[in-house]
Amino acid sequence: MEMPIAKKWRQILKIIDMVTFYVEKDFETPANAGANGFQLSTVRLLSGEADVTKAVDVGKHLYNDDELKDYLSTVFNLKTAEIDISE
């Protein structure tokens, strides 16, 4: 089920050519569970620093930035080439 806030951000982001997300990653929780990778802690747009954390699943387990781009492209209806990740 689509969250209304994700739909709102998708509409806003469609007018931008490249979207840079500032992502705080939680490496400890997966490590404590015996897994590699990370979970999302905070996700913000770098331009304007709007917090979009509520639009993503912070408990989602990801292994690398390529998976993260794929996930964010799905949530915000963007192409992976339009996404840049900053930490």
Protein backbone atom coordinates (compact mmCIF):
# COMPACT_ATOMS: atom_id res chain seq x y z
CA MET A 1 0.00 0.00 0.00
CA GLU A 2 1.37 3.37 -1.00
CA MET A 3 1.88 5.90 1.77
CA PRO A 4 0.34 9.33 0.96
CA ILE A 5 3.57 11.12 1.92
CA ALA A 6 5.54 9.08 -0.65
CA LYS A 7 3.04 10.08 -3.36
CA LYS A 8 3.42 13.75 -2.36
CA TRP A 9 7.23 13.61 -2.60
CA ARG A 10 7.09 11.78 -5.95
CA GLN A 11 5.06 14.65 -7.41
CA ILE A 12 7.56 17.23 -6.13
CA LEU A 13 10.65 15.29 -7.23
CA LYS A 14 9.45 14.72 -10.80
CA ILE A 15 10.35 18.31 -11.67
CA ILE A 16 14.01 17.85 -10.64
CA ASP A 17 16.64 16.29 -12.96
CA MET A 18 18.93 14.89 -10.24
CA VAL A 19 17.92 14.22 -6.66
CA THR A 20 20.55 13.98 -3.95
CA PHE A 21 19.52 12.14 -0.80
CA TYR A 22 21.47 12.55 2.42
CA VAL A 23 21.27 9.15 4.11
CA GLU A 24 22.26 8.22 7.65
CA LYS A 25 22.89 4.49 7.74
CA ASP A 26 22.55 2.21 10.75
CA PHE A 27 25.23 -0.50 10.51
CA GLU A 28 24.95 -1.62 14.15
CA THR A 29 21.46 -3.17 14.11
CA PRO A 30 22.20 -5.59 11.24
CA ALA A 31 25.65 -6.40 12.69
CA ASN A 32 24.08 -7.23 16.06
CA ALA A 33 21.73 -9.61 14.22
CA GLY A 34 24.70 -11.23 12.44
CA ALA A 35 24.01 -9.64 9.05
CA ASN A 36 26.03 -7.45 6.71
CA GLY A 37 24.74 -4.21 5.27
CA PHE A 38 22.73 -1.42 6.83
CA GLN A 39 19.31 -0.08 7.63
CA LEU A 40 18.12 3.44 6.95
CA SER A 41 18.17 5.78 9.90
CA THR A 42 17.37 9.17 8.35
CA VAL A 43 16.75 10.21 4.75
CA ARG A 44 16.69 13.86 3.71
CA LEU A 45 16.81 15.77 0.48
CA LEU A 46 20.06 17.69 0.28
CA SER A 47 18.48 20.59 -1.57
CA GLY A 48 16.51 22.24 1.20
CA GLU A 49 17.20 19.37 3.59
CA ALA A 50 13.57 18.25 3.65
CA ASP A 51 13.17 15.17 5.82
CA VAL A 52 11.61 12.34 3.81
CA THR A 53 12.28 9.59 6.38
CA LYS A 54 8.54 8.99 6.87
CA ALA A 55 8.24 8.01 3.20
CA VAL A 56 10.74 5.12 3.51
CA ASP A 57 10.89 1.89 5.50
CA VAL A 58 13.67 2.57 8.03
CA GLY A 59 13.78 -1.12 8.98
CA LYS A 60 14.53 -2.23 5.42
CA HIS A 61 17.82 -4.12 5.18
CA LEU A 62 20.10 -3.05 2.32
CA TYR A 63 23.57 -4.26 1.33
CA ASN A 64 24.96 -1.39 -0.76
CA ASP A 65 24.19 1.97 -2.36
CA ASP A 66 23.00 0.34 -5.61
CA GLU A 67 20.25 -1.46 -3.66
CA LEU A 68 19.50 1.81 -1.86
CA LYS A 69 19.12 3.65 -5.19
CA ASP A 70 16.83 0.89 -6.48
CA TYR A 71 14.71 1.16 -3.33
CA LEU A 72 14.53 4.97 -3.41
CA SER A 73 13.69 4.90 -7.12
CA THR A 74 10.71 2.67 -6.32
CA VAL A 75 9.51 4.76 -3.38
CA PHE A 76 9.82 8.11 -5.17
CA ASN A 77 9.12 6.91 -8.74
CA LEU A 78 12.50 8.07 -10.02
CA LYS A 79 15.07 6.48 -12.32
CA THR A 80 18.15 5.20 -10.52
CA ALA A 81 20.28 7.47 -12.75
CA GLU A 82 18.44 10.47 -11.26
CA ILE A 83 19.48 9.55 -7.71
CA ASP A 84 22.66 10.54 -5.95
CA ILE A 85 23.51 9.35 -2.42
CA SER A 86 25.42 11.41 0.10
CA GLU A 87 26.37 10.37 3.62
